[in-house]
């Protein structure tokens, strides 16, 4: 487990430095924060305009325009600091499976590592965690 924790630490540290210095990350966070503000305003106005008829085309354009911001989560590992793919094992499924294992004695760093595509598997580990690792690997 020492190797996995070392790899995780290196990835997290490098990501932290990159996020602190990257203009790309700052722009992405700015767009996401602006989207959040618009969503909150949209929710407030929805109550006032519930009876007013809207043009469905306008609403569809607005939702498509902000689709990338709605899927963005600043707490997710940045792709350049992760070995995990999201096409084979959906993020929501992985998070649900990890959530179901929080009660076990599995160290937290193993869950953080798993979200980045770094896994540990040996017979001395919690069986439920090992099964999760096997599901992740078999989905690639």
Protein backbone atom coordinates (compact mmCIF):
# COMPACT_ATOMS: atom_id res chain seq x y z
CA UNK A 1 0.00 0.00 0.00
CA UNK A 2 2.96 2.32 0.40
CA UNK A 3 3.44 2.57 -3.36
CA UNK A 4 -0.23 3.43 -3.94
CA UNK A 5 -0.19 6.10 -1.23
CA UNK A 6 3.00 7.55 -2.70
CA UNK A 7 1.51 7.66 -6.23
CA UNK A 8 -1.67 9.24 -4.86
CA UNK A 9 0.30 11.83 -2.92
CA UNK A 10 2.35 12.74 -6.01
CA UNK A 11 -0.78 13.09 -8.17
CA UNK A 12 -2.63 15.19 -5.58
CA UNK A 13 0.36 17.45 -4.95
CA UNK A 14 1.03 17.99 -8.67
CA UNK A 15 -2.65 18.74 -9.26
CA UNK A 16 -2.71 21.23 -6.40
CA UNK A 17 0.31 23.09 -7.83
CA UNK A 18 -1.17 23.05 -11.34
CA UNK A 19 -4.55 24.34 -10.14
CA UNK A 20 -2.89 27.17 -8.22
CA UNK A 21 -0.94 28.33 -11.29
CA UNK A 22 -3.08 27.36 -14.27
CA UNK A 23 -4.98 30.13 -16.07
CA UNK A 24 -7.01 27.36 -17.75
CA UNK A 25 -8.19 26.08 -14.33
CA UNK A 26 -8.99 29.60 -13.13
CA UNK A 27 -11.12 30.22 -16.26
CA UNK A 28 -12.90 26.90 -15.78
CA UNK A 29 -13.66 27.66 -12.13
CA UNK A 30 -14.83 31.17 -13.10
CA UNK A 31 -17.24 29.76 -15.71
CA UNK A 32 -18.52 27.18 -13.21
CA UNK A 33 -19.06 29.77 -10.47
CA UNK A 34 -20.88 32.04 -12.94
CA UNK A 35 -23.04 29.08 -14.00
CA UNK A 36 -23.87 28.33 -10.35
CA UNK A 37 -24.91 31.95 -9.82
CA UNK A 38 -27.10 31.84 -12.95
CA UNK A 39 -28.69 28.60 -11.77
CA UNK A 40 -29.54 30.09 -8.38
CA UNK A 41 -31.02 33.17 -10.05
CA UNK A 42 -32.92 30.95 -12.47
CA UNK A 43 -34.42 28.98 -9.57
CA UNK A 44 -35.49 32.18 -7.81
CA UNK A 45 -37.11 33.53 -10.94
CA UNK A 46 -38.81 30.23 -11.72
CA UNK A 47 -41.27 30.74 -8.90
CA UNK A 48 -42.21 34.19 -10.17
CA UNK A 49 -42.56 33.17 -13.79
CA UNK A 50 -44.16 29.74 -13.31
CA UNK A 51 -47.43 30.88 -14.83
CA UNK A 52 -45.81 32.71 -17.76
CA UNK A 53 -45.58 30.63 -20.93
CA UNK A 54 -42.01 30.14 -22.21
CA UNK A 55 -40.65 29.40 -25.65
CA UNK A 56 -39.29 25.81 -25.39
CA UNK A 57 -36.56 26.56 -27.97
CA UNK A 58 -35.08 29.33 -25.79
CA UNK A 59 -34.96 27.06 -22.76
CA UNK A 60 -33.32 24.25 -24.72
CA UNK A 61 -30.62 26.57 -26.04
CA UNK A 62 -29.83 27.82 -22.56
CA UNK A 63 -29.50 24.32 -21.13
CA UNK A 64 -27.29 23.12 -24.00
CA UNK A 65 -25.10 26.20 -23.67
CA UNK A 66 -24.25 25.40 -20.04
CA UNK A 67 -24.13 21.61 -20.26
CA UNK A 68 -20.37 21.43 -19.60
CA UNK A 69 -20.63 23.58 -16.46
CA UNK A 70 -23.48 21.46 -15.08
CA UNK A 71 -21.31 18.33 -15.36
CA UNK A 72 -18.21 20.00 -13.89
CA UNK A 73 -17.25 19.24 -10.29
CA UNK A 74 -14.16 21.07 -8.98
CA UNK A 75 -13.64 18.30 -6.41
CA UNK A 76 -13.14 15.67 -9.12
CA UNK A 77 -9.58 14.75 -10.01
CA UNK A 78 -8.36 16.61 -13.10
CA UNK A 79 -7.95 14.18 -16.02
CA UNK A 80 -4.25 14.99 -16.44
CA UNK A 81 -3.67 13.83 -12.83
CA UNK A 82 -5.65 10.61 -13.04
CA UNK A 83 -5.38 7.23 -14.70
CA UNK A 84 -9.12 6.58 -14.40
CA UNK A 85 -11.40 6.54 -17.38
CA UNK A 86 -15.04 7.48 -17.03
CA UNK A 87 -16.42 5.72 -20.08
CA UNK A 88 -16.30 2.16 -18.75
CA UNK A 89 -17.26 2.70 -15.09
CA UNK A 90 -19.48 5.73 -14.57
CA UNK A 91 -18.38 8.25 -11.95
CA UNK A 92 -21.77 8.07 -10.20
CA UNK A 93 -21.55 4.28 -9.97
CA UNK A 94 -18.01 4.41 -8.58
CA UNK A 95 -18.97 7.05 -6.00
CA UNK A 96 -22.00 5.00 -4.95
CA UNK A 97 -19.87 1.87 -4.59
CA UNK A 98 -17.23 3.76 -2.61
CA UNK A 99 -19.98 5.23 -0.41
CA UNK A 100 -21.25 1.76 0.37
CA UNK A 101 -17.76 0.79 1.60
CA UNK A 102 -17.12 3.78 3.90
CA UNK A 103 -18.14 1.72 6.93
CA UNK A 104 -15.31 -0.77 6.36
CA UNK A 105 -11.80 -0.50 7.74
CA UNK A 106 -10.48 0.34 4.26
CA UNK A 107 -8.22 3.42 4.55
CA UNK A 108 -9.63 6.58 2.95
CA UNK A 109 -6.55 7.08 0.76
CA UNK A 110 -7.47 3.87 -1.11
CA UNK A 111 -10.83 5.36 -2.09
CA UNK A 112 -9.17 8.60 -3.21
CA UNK A 113 -6.62 6.57 -5.17
CA UNK A 114 -9.35 4.48 -6.78
CA UNK A 115 -11.06 7.65 -8.05
CA UNK A 116 -7.77 8.43 -9.82
CA UNK A 117 -7.42 4.96 -11.32
CA UNK A 118 -4.87 3.66 -8.80
CA UNK A 119 -5.92 0.44 -7.11
CA UNK A 120 -4.46 -2.04 -4.65
CA UNK A 121 -5.54 -5.67 -4.62
CA UNK A 122 -4.25 -8.43 -2.39
CA UNK A 123 -5.78 -11.18 -0.30
CA UNK A 124 -5.26 -9.41 3.04
CA UNK A 125 -7.59 -6.55 2.12
CA UNK A 126 -11.30 -6.16 2.73
CA UNK A 127 -13.12 -8.54 0.36
CA UNK A 128 -15.77 -5.99 -0.61
CA UNK A 129 -13.08 -3.49 -1.57
CA UNK A 130 -11.27 -6.16 -3.60
CA UNK A 131 -14.49 -6.94 -5.47
CA UNK A 132 -14.89 -3.24 -6.27
CA UNK A 133 -11.34 -3.13 -7.62
CA UNK A 134 -12.07 -6.21 -9.74
CA UNK A 135 -15.23 -4.59 -11.15
CA UNK A 136 -13.27 -1.44 -12.01
CA UNK A 137 -10.54 -3.42 -13.76
CA UNK A 138 -12.96 -5.70 -15.63
CA UNK A 139 -14.85 -2.69 -17.01
CA UNK A 140 -11.81 -1.52 -19.00
